[in-house]
Amino acid sequence: MIGDFFNFVKSFFLEKIPGFAAHLFEQAADWFLMYTIKTTTWFLNFSWEIFTGIAAEIDISAQLDLAMTYLPAESVGLIYALGLPQMVNMVISAWLTVISMRILPG
């Protein structure tokens, strides 16, 4: 009977308290990681919207269309068939997003 009591006290202090502390640390690390991921994705979406708007305001597609008027018609047809103006627009938007992610915290 007394041995059971001391075994209970020993298991409580040597197994249950460290297990509880490890569980708390695991939950805190999990919460911090999820908070960091959510914050980073929020900043990424925020900066993507901002700089997509800036790219739309700059209107890169219109400037590319203006530049296409100086090229031969066959080349312009091939460029549009490949979708190069849309690709350039996406790359510039992504580049502006990278710049914004360096500026914004996250």
PDB file of N, CA and C in Angstrom:
ATOM      1  N   MET A   1       0.813  -1.179   0.000  1.00  0.00           N
ATOM      2  CA  MET A   1       0.000   0.000   0.000  1.00  0.00           C
ATOM      3  C   MET A   1       0.865   1.254   0.000  1.00  0.00           C
ATOM      4  N   ILE A   2       1.828   1.310   0.890  1.00  0.00           N
ATOM      5  CA  ILE A   2       2.731   2.463   0.910  1.00  0.00           C
ATOM      6  C   ILE A   2       3.610   2.442  -0.337  1.00  0.00           C
ATOM      7  N   GLY A   3       3.979   1.246  -0.780  1.00  0.00           N
ATOM      8  CA  GLY A   3       4.778   1.113  -2.006  1.00  0.00           C
ATOM      9  C   GLY A   3       4.012   1.633  -3.217  1.00  0.00           C
ATOM     10  N   ASP A   4       2.701   1.356  -3.256  1.00  0.00           N
ATOM     11  CA  ASP A   4       1.883   1.869  -4.365  1.00  0.00           C
ATOM     12  C   ASP A   4       1.833   3.392  -4.358  1.00  0.00           C
ATOM     13  N   PHE A   5       1.746   3.957  -3.155  1.00  0.00           N
ATOM     14  CA  PHE A   5       1.721   5.416  -3.045  1.00  0.00           C
ATOM     15  C   PHE A   5       3.014   6.020  -3.583  1.00  0.00           C
ATOM     16  N   PHE A   6       4.156   5.442  -3.159  1.00  0.00           N
ATOM     17  CA  PHE A   6       5.436   5.975  -3.612  1.00  0.00           C
ATOM     18  C   PHE A   6       5.646   5.730  -5.108  1.00  0.00           C
ATOM     19  N   ASN A   7       5.161   4.622  -5.624  1.00  0.00           N
ATOM     20  CA  ASN A   7       5.234   4.384  -7.076  1.00  0.00           C
ATOM     21  C   ASN A   7       4.397   5.409  -7.835  1.00  0.00           C
ATOM     22  N   PHE A   8       3.224   5.739  -7.272  1.00  0.00           N
ATOM     23  CA  PHE A   8       2.380   6.759  -7.896  1.00  0.00           C
ATOM     24  C   PHE A   8       3.076   8.124  -7.892  1.00  0.00           C
ATOM     25  N   VAL A   9       3.663   8.495  -6.755  1.00  0.00           N
ATOM     26  CA  VAL A   9       4.355   9.785  -6.655  1.00  0.00           C
ATOM     27  C   VAL A   9       5.543   9.809  -7.613  1.00  0.00           C
ATOM     28  N   LYS A  10       6.284   8.716  -7.666  1.00  0.00           N
ATOM     29  CA  LYS A  10       7.443   8.642  -8.552  1.00  0.00           C
ATOM     30  C   LYS A  10       7.010   8.745 -10.020  1.00  0.00           C
ATOM     31  N   SER A  11       5.975   8.015 -10.412  1.00  0.00           N
ATOM     32  CA  SER A  11       5.524   8.080 -11.805  1.00  0.00           C
ATOM     33  C   SER A  11       4.933   9.447 -12.135  1.00  0.00           C
ATOM     34  N   PHE A  12       4.288  10.072 -11.123  1.00  0.00           N
ATOM     35  CA  PHE A  12       3.717  11.403 -11.353  1.00  0.00           C
ATOM     36  C   PHE A  12       4.817  12.414 -11.649  1.00  0.00           C
ATOM     37  N   PHE A  13       5.870  12.417 -10.820  1.00  0.00           N
ATOM     38  CA  PHE A  13       6.927  13.411 -10.988  1.00  0.00           C
ATOM     39  C   PHE A  13       7.895  13.072 -12.126  1.00  0.00           C
ATOM     40  N   LEU A  14       8.091  11.797 -12.420  1.00  0.00           N
ATOM     41  CA  LEU A  14       9.086  11.417 -13.424  1.00  0.00           C
ATOM     42  C   LEU A  14       8.496  11.143 -14.800  1.00  0.00           C
ATOM     43  N   GLU A  15       7.184  10.929 -14.894  1.00  0.00           N
ATOM     44  CA  GLU A  15       6.595  10.609 -16.198  1.00  0.00           C
ATOM     45  C   GLU A  15       5.505  11.589 -16.610  1.00  0.00           C
ATOM     46  N   LYS A  16       4.582  11.869 -15.704  1.00  0.00           N
ATOM     47  CA  LYS A  16       3.420  12.669 -16.093  1.00  0.00           C
ATOM     48  C   LYS A  16       3.742  14.146 -16.229  1.00  0.00           C
ATOM     49  N   ILE A  17       4.486  14.712 -15.314  1.00  0.00           N
ATOM     50  CA  ILE A  17       4.826  16.142 -15.414  1.00  0.00           C
ATOM     51  C   ILE A  17       5.725  16.396 -16.623  1.00  0.00           C
ATOM     52  N   PRO A  18       6.792  15.621 -16.867  1.00  0.00           N
ATOM     53  CA  PRO A  18       7.581  15.848 -18.083  1.00  0.00           C
ATOM     54  C   PRO A  18       6.774  15.603 -19.366  1.00  0.00           C
ATOM     55  N   GLY A  19       5.878  14.625 -19.329  1.00  0.00           N
ATOM     56  CA  GLY A  19       5.027  14.380 -20.496  1.00  0.00           C
ATOM     57  C   GLY A  19       4.089  15.546 -20.766  1.00  0.00           C
ATOM     58  N   PHE A  20       3.540  16.117 -19.693  1.00  0.00           N
ATOM     59  CA  PHE A  20       2.670  17.281 -19.832  1.00  0.00           C
ATOM     60  C   PHE A  20       3.449  18.477 -20.370  1.00  0.00           C
ATOM     61  N   ALA A  21       4.674  18.690 -19.865  1.00  0.00           N
ATOM     62  CA  ALA A  21       5.502  19.799 -20.333  1.00  0.00           C
ATOM     63  C   ALA A  21       5.876  19.602 -21.808  1.00  0.00           C
ATOM     64  N   ALA A  22       6.191  18.382 -22.188  1.00  0.00           N
ATOM     65  CA  ALA A  22       6.517  18.113 -23.591  1.00  0.00           C
ATOM     66  C   ALA A  22       5.299  18.354 -24.485  1.00  0.00           C
ATOM     67  N   HIS A  23       4.126  17.973 -24.003  1.00  0.00           N
ATOM     68  CA  HIS A  23       2.897  18.216 -24.762  1.00  0.00           C
ATOM     69  C   HIS A  23       2.637  19.704 -24.910  1.00  0.00           C
ATOM     70  N   LEU A  24       2.827  20.475 -23.834  1.00  0.00           N
ATOM     71  CA  LEU A  24       2.654  21.928 -23.907  1.00  0.00           C
ATOM     72  C   LEU A  24       3.635  22.551 -24.893  1.00  0.00           C
ATOM     73  N   PHE A  25       4.891  22.122 -24.858  1.00  0.00           N
ATOM     74  CA  PHE A  25       5.885  22.638 -25.789  1.00  0.00           C
ATOM     75  C   PHE A  25       5.517  22.294 -27.225  1.00  0.00           C
ATOM     76  N   GLU A  26       5.035  21.083 -27.447  1.00  0.00           N
ATOM     77  CA  GLU A  26       4.612  20.660 -28.787  1.00  0.00           C
ATOM     78  C   GLU A  26       3.456  21.516 -29.286  1.00  0.00           C
ATOM     79  N   GLN A  27       2.486  21.773 -28.425  1.00  0.00           N
ATOM     80  CA  GLN A  27       1.342  22.601 -28.816  1.00  0.00           C
ATOM     81  C   GLN A  27       1.766  24.040 -29.098  1.00  0.00           C
ATOM     82  N   ALA A  28       2.672  24.579 -28.293  1.00  0.00           N
ATOM     83  CA  ALA A  28       3.157  25.947 -28.509  1.00  0.00           C
ATOM     84  C   ALA A  28       3.932  26.044 -29.818  1.00  0.00           C
ATOM     85  N   ALA A  29       4.773  25.057 -30.092  1.00  0.00           N
ATOM     86  CA  ALA A  29       5.530  25.058 -31.349  1.00  0.00           C
ATOM     87  C   ALA A  29       4.591  24.921 -32.542  1.00  0.00           C
ATOM     88  N   ASP A  30       3.575  24.085 -32.412  1.00  0.00           N
ATOM     89  CA  ASP A  30       2.585  23.912 -33.482  1.00  0.00           C
ATOM     90  C   ASP A  30       1.824  25.210 -33.722  1.00  0.00           C
ATOM     91  N   TRP A  31       1.396  25.877 -32.658  1.00  0.00           N
ATOM     92  CA  TRP A  31       0.678  27.141 -32.799  1.00  0.00           C
ATOM     93  C   TRP A  31       1.562  28.197 -33.457  1.00  0.00           C
ATOM     94  N   PHE A  32       2.811  28.295 -33.026  1.00  0.00           N
ATOM     95  CA  PHE A  32       3.720  29.288 -33.584  1.00  0.00           C
ATOM     96  C   PHE A  32       3.975  29.025 -35.065  1.00  0.00           C
ATOM     97  N   LEU A  33       4.154  27.776 -35.449  1.00  0.00           N
ATOM     98  CA  LEU A  33       4.391  27.431 -36.846  1.00  0.00           C
ATOM     99  C   LEU A  33       3.171  27.761 -37.701  1.00  0.00           C
ATOM    100  N   MET A  34       1.984  27.423 -37.219  1.00  0.00           N
ATOM    101  CA  MET A  34       0.767  27.742 -37.976  1.00  0.00           C
ATOM    102  C   MET A  34       0.568  29.247 -38.083  1.00  0.00           C
ATOM    103  N   TYR A  35       0.856  29.991 -37.017  1.00  0.00           N
ATOM    104  CA  TYR A  35       0.741  31.451 -37.045  1.00  0.00           C
ATOM    105  C   TYR A  35       1.712  32.035 -38.068  1.00  0.00           C
ATOM    106  N   THR A  36       2.929  31.527 -38.096  1.00  0.00           N
ATOM    107  CA  THR A  36       3.927  32.017 -39.044  1.00  0.00           C
ATOM    108  C   THR A  36       3.508  31.724 -40.483  1.00  0.00           C
ATOM    109  N   ILE A  37       3.001  30.532 -40.735  1.00  0.00           N
ATOM    110  CA  ILE A  37       2.566  30.168 -42.090  1.00  0.00           C
ATOM    111  C   ILE A  37       1.384  31.025 -42.516  1.00  0.00           C
ATOM    112  N   LYS A  38       0.398  31.198 -41.637  1.00  0.00           N
ATOM    113  CA  LYS A  38      -0.770  32.009 -41.985  1.00  0.00           C
ATOM    114  C   LYS A  38      -0.392  33.461 -42.218  1.00  0.00           C
ATOM    115  N   THR A  39       0.504  33.995 -41.402  1.00  0.00           N
ATOM    116  CA  THR A  39       0.939  35.380 -41.574  1.00  0.00           C
ATOM    117  C   THR A  39       1.680  35.550 -42.893  1.00  0.00           C
ATOM    118  N   THR A  40       2.548  34.616 -43.211  1.00  0.00           N
ATOM    119  CA  THR A  40       3.306  34.703 -44.456  1.00  0.00           C
ATOM    120  C   THR A  40       2.384  34.605 -45.668  1.00  0.00           C
ATOM    121  N   THR A  41       1.414  33.710 -45.638  1.00  0.00           N
ATOM    122  CA  THR A  41       0.492  33.604 -46.774  1.00  0.00           C
ATOM    123  C   THR A  41      -0.389  34.838 -46.880  1.00  0.00           C
ATOM    124  N   TRP A  42      -0.754  35.440 -45.732  1.00  0.00           N
ATOM    125  CA  TRP A  42      -1.554  36.660 -45.789  1.00  0.00           C
ATOM    126  C   TRP A  42      -0.743  37.782 -46.430  1.00  0.00           C
ATOM    127  N   PHE A  43       0.527  37.930 -46.022  1.00  0.00           N
ATOM    128  CA  PHE A  43       1.360  38.968 -46.616  1.00  0.00           C
ATOM    129  C   PHE A  43       1.596  38.703 -48.097  1.00  0.00           C
ATOM    130  N   LEU A  44       1.732  37.442 -48.479  1.00  0.00           N
ATOM    131  CA  LEU A  44       1.924  37.117 -49.891  1.00  0.00           C
ATOM    132  C   LEU A  44       0.687  37.494 -50.695  1.00  0.00           C
ATOM    133  N   ASN A  45      -0.503  37.141 -50.208  1.00  0.00           N
ATOM    134  CA  ASN A  45      -1.736  37.519 -50.916  1.00  0.00           C
ATOM    135  C   ASN A  45      -1.900  39.029 -50.960  1.00  0.00           C
ATOM    136  N   PHE A  46      -1.602  39.696 -49.857  1.00  0.00           N
ATOM    137  CA  PHE A  46      -1.720  41.154 -49.792  1.00  0.00           C
ATOM    138  C   PHE A  46      -0.797  41.821 -50.806  1.00  0.00           C
ATOM    139  N   SER A  47       0.457  41.393 -50.822  1.00  0.00           N
ATOM    140  CA  SER A  47       1.410  42.015 -51.740  1.00  0.00           C
ATOM    141  C   SER A  47       1.111  41.654 -53.187  1.00  0.00           C
ATOM    142  N   TRP A  48       0.597  40.436 -53.431  1.00  0.00           N
ATOM    143  CA  TRP A  48       0.225  40.059 -54.801  1.00  0.00           C
ATOM    144  C   TRP A  48      -0.887  40.970 -55.310  1.00  0.00           C
ATOM    145  N   GLU A  49      -1.885  41.234 -54.474  1.00  0.00           N
ATOM    146  CA  GLU A  49      -2.980  42.117 -54.882  1.00  0.00           C
ATOM    147  C   GLU A  49      -2.491  43.535 -55.133  1.00  0.00           C
ATOM    148  N   ILE A  50      -1.632  44.030 -54.272  1.00  0.00           N
ATOM    149  CA  ILE A  50      -1.122  45.397 -54.444  1.00  0.00           C
ATOM    150  C   ILE A  50      -0.349  45.524 -55.746  1.00  0.00           C
ATOM    151  N   PHE A  51       0.570  44.650 -55.967  1.00  0.00           N
ATOM    152  CA  PHE A  51       1.435  44.815 -57.125  1.00  0.00           C
ATOM    153  C   PHE A  51       0.808  44.315 -58.414  1.00  0.00           C
ATOM    154  N   THR A  52      -0.213  43.495 -58.332  1.00  0.00           N
ATOM    155  CA  THR A  52      -0.994  43.204 -59.531  1.00  0.00           C
ATOM    156  C   THR A  52      -1.762  44.448 -59.940  1.00  0.00           C
ATOM    157  N   GLY A  53      -2.268  45.176 -58.948  1.00  0.00           N
ATOM    158  CA  GLY A  53      -2.928  46.444 -59.230  1.00  0.00           C
ATOM    159  C   GLY A  53      -1.975  47.462 -59.825  1.00  0.00           C
ATOM    160  N   ILE A  54      -0.755  47.508 -59.287  1.00  0.00           N
ATOM    161  CA  ILE A  54       0.242  48.429 -59.838  1.00  0.00           C
ATOM    162  C   ILE A  54       0.594  48.036 -61.266  1.00  0.00           C
ATOM    163  N   ALA A  55       0.757  46.756 -61.503  1.00  0.00           N
ATOM    164  CA  ALA A  55       1.077  46.301 -62.862  1.00  0.00           C
ATOM    165  C   ALA A  55      -0.072  46.596 -63.814  1.00  0.00           C
ATOM    166  N   ALA A  56      -1.304  46.475 -63.338  1.00  0.00           N
ATOM    167  CA  ALA A  56      -2.454  46.811 -64.183  1.00  0.00           C
ATOM    168  C   ALA A  56      -2.499  48.310 -64.460  1.00  0.00           C
ATOM    169  N   GLU A  57      -2.098  49.098 -63.467  1.00  0.00           N
ATOM    170  CA  GLU A  57      -2.086  50.541 -63.662  1.00  0.00           C
ATOM    171  C   GLU A  57      -0.984  50.961 -64.632  1.00  0.00           C
ATOM    172  N   ILE A  58       0.161  50.289 -64.559  1.00  0.00           N
ATOM    173  CA  ILE A  58       1.242  50.560 -65.505  1.00  0.00           C
ATOM    174  C   ILE A  58       0.818  50.108 -66.900  1.00  0.00           C
ATOM    175  N   ASP A  59      -0.015  49.098 -66.940  1.00  0.00           N
ATOM    176  CA  ASP A  59      -0.557  48.527 -68.172  1.00  0.00           C
ATOM    177  C   ASP A  59       0.561  48.055 -69.101  1.00  0.00           C
ATOM    178  N   ILE A  60       1.249  47.057 -68.644  1.00  0.00           N
ATOM    179  CA  ILE A  60       2.358  46.489 -69.389  1.00  0.00           C
ATOM    180  C   ILE A  60       1.872  45.908 -70.714  1.00  0.00           C
ATOM    181  N   SER A  61       0.674  45.338 -70.699  1.00  0.00           N
ATOM    182  CA  SER A  61       0.144  44.748 -71.933  1.00  0.00           C
ATOM    183  C   SER A  61      -0.013  45.798 -73.021  1.00  0.00           C
ATOM    184  N   ALA A  62      -0.488  46.989 -72.655  1.00  0.00           N
ATOM    185  CA  ALA A  62      -0.644  48.054 -73.654  1.00  0.00           C
ATOM    186  C   ALA A  62       0.714  48.496 -74.183  1.00  0.00           C
ATOM    187  N   GLN A  63       1.705  48.550 -73.314  1.00  0.00           N
ATOM    188  CA  GLN A  63       3.038  48.917 -73.769  1.00  0.00           C
ATOM    189  C   GLN A  63       3.627  47.841 -74.668  1.00  0.00           C
ATOM    190  N   LEU A  64       3.352  46.570 -74.352  1.00  0.00           N
ATOM    191  CA  LEU A  64       3.802  45.490 -75.232  1.00  0.00           C
ATOM    192  C   LEU A  64       3.080  45.557 -76.575  1.00  0.00           C
ATOM    193  N   ASP A  65       1.785  45.865 -76.557  1.00  0.00           N
ATOM    194  CA  ASP A  65       1.043  46.009 -77.814  1.00  0.00           C
ATOM    195  C   ASP A  65       1.621  47.125 -78.661  1.00  0.00           C
ATOM    196  N   LEU A  66       1.999  48.217 -78.016  1.00  0.00           N
ATOM    197  CA  LEU A  66       2.610  49.322 -78.740  1.00  0.00           C
ATOM    198  C   LEU A  66       3.943  48.892 -79.348  1.00  0.00           C
ATOM    199  N   ALA A  67       4.706  48.121 -78.594  1.00  0.00           N
ATOM    200  CA  ALA A  67       5.990  47.634 -79.117  1.00  0.00           C
ATOM    201  C   ALA A  67       5.789  46.641 -80.246  1.00  0.00           C
ATOM    202  N   MET A  68       4.681  45.906 -80.225  1.00  0.00           N
ATOM    203  CA  MET A  68       4.407  44.912 -81.269  1.00  0.00           C
ATOM    204  C   MET A  68       4.117  45.574 -82.617  1.00  0.00           C
ATOM    205  N   THR A  69       3.708  46.828 -82.603  1.00  0.00           N
ATOM    206  CA  THR A  69       3.408  47.498 -83.877  1.00  0.00           C
ATOM    207  C   THR A  69       4.656  47.682 -84.721  1.00  0.00           C
ATOM    208  N   TYR A  70       5.824  47.608 -84.095  1.00  0.00           N
ATOM    209  CA  TYR A  70       7.073  47.778 -84.832  1.00  0.00           C
ATOM    210  C   TYR A  70       7.617  46.465 -85.385  1.00  0.00           C
ATOM    211  N   LEU A  71       6.984  45.364 -85.032  1.00  0.00           N
ATOM    212  CA  LEU A  71       7.434  44.056 -85.506  1.00  0.00           C
ATOM    213  C   LEU A  71       6.630  43.618 -86.720  1.00  0.00           C
ATOM    214  N   PRO A  72       7.183  42.701 -87.516  1.00  0.00           N
ATOM    215  CA  PRO A  72       6.410  42.160 -88.644  1.00  0.00           C
ATOM    216  C   PRO A  72       5.187  41.384 -88.151  1.00  0.00           C
ATOM    217  N   ALA A  73       4.171  41.308 -89.011  1.00  0.00           N
ATOM    218  CA  ALA A  73       2.903  40.683 -88.635  1.00  0.00           C
ATOM    219  C   ALA A  73       3.076  39.200 -88.294  1.00  0.00           C
ATOM    220  N   GLU A  74       3.954  38.495 -88.997  1.00  0.00           N
ATOM    221  CA  GLU A  74       4.171  37.069 -88.718  1.00  0.00           C
ATOM    222  C   GLU A  74       4.760  36.874 -87.324  1.00  0.00           C
ATOM    223  N   SER A  75       5.691  37.727 -86.958  1.00  0.00           N
ATOM    224  CA  SER A  75       6.304  37.631 -85.628  1.00  0.00           C
ATOM    225  C   SER A  75       5.287  37.940 -84.534  1.00  0.00           C
ATOM    226  N   VAL A  76       4.468  38.949 -84.781  1.00  0.00           N
ATOM    227  CA  VAL A  76       3.447  39.312 -83.795  1.00  0.00           C
ATOM    228  C   VAL A  76       2.455  38.173 -83.611  1.00  0.00           C
ATOM    229  N   GLY A  77       2.047  37.544 -84.716  1.00  0.00           N
ATOM    230  CA  GLY A  77       1.125  36.408 -84.631  1.00  0.00           C
ATOM    231  C   GLY A  77       1.714  35.273 -83.825  1.00  0.00           C
ATOM    232  N   LEU A  78       2.993  34.987 -84.030  1.00  0.00           N
ATOM    233  CA  LEU A  78       3.665  33.925 -83.284  1.00  0.00           C
ATOM    234  C   LEU A  78       3.787  34.287 -81.805  1.00  0.00           C
ATOM    235  N   ILE A  79       4.115  35.530 -81.526  1.00  0.00           N
ATOM    236  CA  ILE A  79       4.253  35.965 -80.135  1.00  0.00           C
ATOM    237  C   ILE A  79       2.930  35.843 -79.396  1.00  0.00           C
ATOM    238  N   TYR A  80       1.841  36.253 -80.039  1.00  0.00           N
ATOM    239  CA  TYR A  80       0.532  36.145 -79.394  1.00  0.00           C
ATOM    240  C   TYR A  80       0.062  34.700 -79.310  1.00  0.00           C
ATOM    241  N   ALA A  81       0.415  33.884 -80.301  1.00  0.00           N
ATOM    242  CA  ALA A  81       0.038  32.469 -80.246  1.00  0.00           C
ATOM    243  C   ALA A  81       0.711  31.768 -79.066  1.00  0.00           C
ATOM    244  N   LEU A  82       1.931  32.164 -78.766  1.00  0.00           N
ATOM    245  CA  LEU A  82       2.648  31.574 -77.636  1.00  0.00           C
ATOM    246  C   LEU A  82       2.225  32.174 -76.301  1.00  0.00           C
ATOM    247  N   GLY A  83       1.510  33.281 -76.346  1.00  0.00           N
ATOM    248  CA  GLY A  83       1.047  33.918 -75.115  1.00  0.00           C
ATOM    249  C   GLY A  83       2.147  34.654 -74.369  1.00  0.00           C
ATOM    250  N   LEU A  84       3.131  35.156 -75.093  1.00  0.00           N
ATOM    251  CA  LEU A  84       4.245  35.842 -74.447  1.00  0.00           C
ATOM    252  C   LEU A  84       3.840  37.115 -73.709  1.00  0.00           C
ATOM    253  N   PRO A  85       2.906  37.924 -74.195  1.00  0.00           N
ATOM    254  CA  PRO A  85       2.538  39.114 -73.414  1.00  0.00           C
ATOM    255  C   PRO A  85       1.953  38.769 -72.042  1.00  0.00           C
ATOM    256  N   GLN A  86       1.137  37.728 -71.965  1.00  0.00           N
ATOM    257  CA  GLN A  86       0.591  37.319 -70.671  1.00  0.00           C
ATOM    258  C   GLN A  86       1.691  36.789 -69.755  1.00  0.00           C
ATOM    259  N   MET A  87       2.644  36.059 -70.347  1.00  0.00           N
ATOM    260  CA  MET A  87       3.749  35.539 -69.538  1.00  0.00           C
ATOM    261  C   MET A  87       4.599  36.676 -68.982  1.00  0.00           C
ATOM    262  N   VAL A  88       4.871  37.666 -69.809  1.00  0.00           N
ATOM    263  CA  VAL A  88       5.663  38.814 -69.347  1.00  0.00           C
ATOM    264  C   VAL A  88       4.922  39.535 -68.226  1.00  0.00           C
ATOM    265  N   ASN A  89       3.612  39.689 -68.377  1.00  0.00           N
ATOM    266  CA  ASN A  89       2.810  40.349 -67.360  1.00  0.00           C
ATOM    267  C   ASN A  89       2.856  39.567 -66.040  1.00  0.00           C
ATOM    268  N   MET A  90       2.756  38.249 -66.103  1.00  0.00           N
ATOM    269  CA  MET A  90       2.811  37.422 -64.895  1.00  0.00           C
ATOM    270  C   MET A  90       4.183  37.479 -64.238  1.00  0.00           C
ATOM    271  N   VAL A  91       5.242  37.462 -65.050  1.00  0.00           N
ATOM    272  CA  VAL A  91       6.595  37.506 -64.497  1.00  0.00           C
ATOM    273  C   VAL A  91       6.846  38.843 -63.822  1.00  0.00           C
ATOM    274  N   ILE A  92       6.404  39.921 -64.431  1.00  0.00           N
ATOM    275  CA  ILE A  92       6.605  41.234 -63.813  1.00  0.00           C
ATOM    276  C   ILE A  92       5.782  41.352 -62.538  1.00  0.00           C
ATOM    277  N   SER A  93       4.570  40.826 -62.535  1.00  0.00           N
ATOM    278  CA  SER A  93       3.759  40.848 -61.306  1.00  0.00           C
ATOM    279  C   SER A  93       4.424  40.034 -60.201  1.00  0.00           C
ATOM    280  N   ALA A  94       4.965  38.879 -60.559  1.00  0.00           N
ATOM    281  CA  ALA A  94       5.659  38.056 -59.560  1.00  0.00           C
ATOM    282  C   ALA A  94       6.911  38.763 -59.053  1.00  0.00           C
ATOM    283  N   TRP A  95       7.624  39.424 -59.934  1.00  0.00           N
ATOM    284  CA  TRP A  95       8.818  40.163 -59.532  1.00  0.00           C
ATOM    285  C   TRP A  95       8.457  41.293 -58.579  1.00  0.00           C
ATOM    286  N   LEU A  96       7.376  42.006 -58.871  1.00  0.00           N
ATOM    287  CA  LEU A  96       6.927  43.063 -57.973  1.00  0.00           C
ATOM    288  C   LEU A  96       6.480  42.490 -56.630  1.00  0.00           C
ATOM    289  N   THR A  97       5.900  41.290 -56.649  1.00  0.00           N
ATOM    290  CA  THR A  97       5.508  40.638 -55.397  1.00  0.00           C
ATOM    291  C   THR A  97       6.731  40.288 -54.560  1.00  0.00           C
ATOM    292  N   VAL A  98       7.790  39.827 -55.203  1.00  0.00           N
ATOM    293  CA  VAL A  98       9.027  39.526 -54.475  1.00  0.00           C
ATOM    294  C   VAL A  98       9.581  40.789 -53.836  1.00  0.00           C
ATOM    295  N   ILE A  99       9.547  41.876 -54.578  1.00  0.00           N
ATOM    296  CA  ILE A  99      10.024  43.143 -54.013  1.00  0.00           C
ATOM    297  C   ILE A  99       9.176  43.527 -52.801  1.00  0.00           C
ATOM    298  N   SER A 100       7.863  43.368 -52.917  1.00  0.00           N
ATOM    299  CA  SER A 100       6.995  43.731 -51.793  1.00  0.00           C
ATOM    300  C   SER A 100       7.214  42.816 -50.595  1.00  0.00           C
ATOM    301  N   MET A 101       7.503  41.545 -50.816  1.00  0.00           N
ATOM    302  CA  MET A 101       7.742  40.635 -49.702  1.00  0.00           C
ATOM    303  C   MET A 101       9.042  40.985 -48.976  1.00  0.00           C
ATOM    304  N   ARG A 102       9.979  41.585 -49.699  1.00  0.00           N
ATOM    305  CA  ARG A 102      11.203  42.029 -49.033  1.00  0.00           C
ATOM    306  C   ARG A 102      10.951  43.290 -48.221  1.00  0.00           C
ATOM    307  N   ILE A 103       9.982  44.112 -48.657  1.00  0.00           N
ATOM    308  CA  ILE A 103       9.688  45.349 -47.961  1.00  0.00           C
ATOM    309  C   ILE A 103       8.792  45.088 -46.752  1.00  0.00           C
ATOM    310  N   LEU A 104       7.724  44.301 -46.958  1.00  0.00           N
ATOM    311  CA  LEU A 104       6.758  44.052 -45.895  1.00  0.00           C
ATOM    312  C   LEU A 104       7.310  43.057 -44.883  1.00  0.00           C
ATOM    313  N   PRO A 105       6.910  43.188 -43.613  1.00  0.00           N
ATOM    314  CA  PRO A 105       7.361  42.190 -42.627  1.00  0.00           C
ATOM    315  C   PRO A 105       6.611  40.880 -42.837  1.00  0.00           C
ATOM    316  N   GLY A 106       7.202  39.808 -42.379  1.00  0.00           N
ATOM    317  CA  GLY A 106       6.485  38.541 -42.490  1.00  0.00           C
ATOM    318  C   GLY A 106       7.339  37.345 -42.444  1.00  0.00           C
TER     319      GLY A 106
END
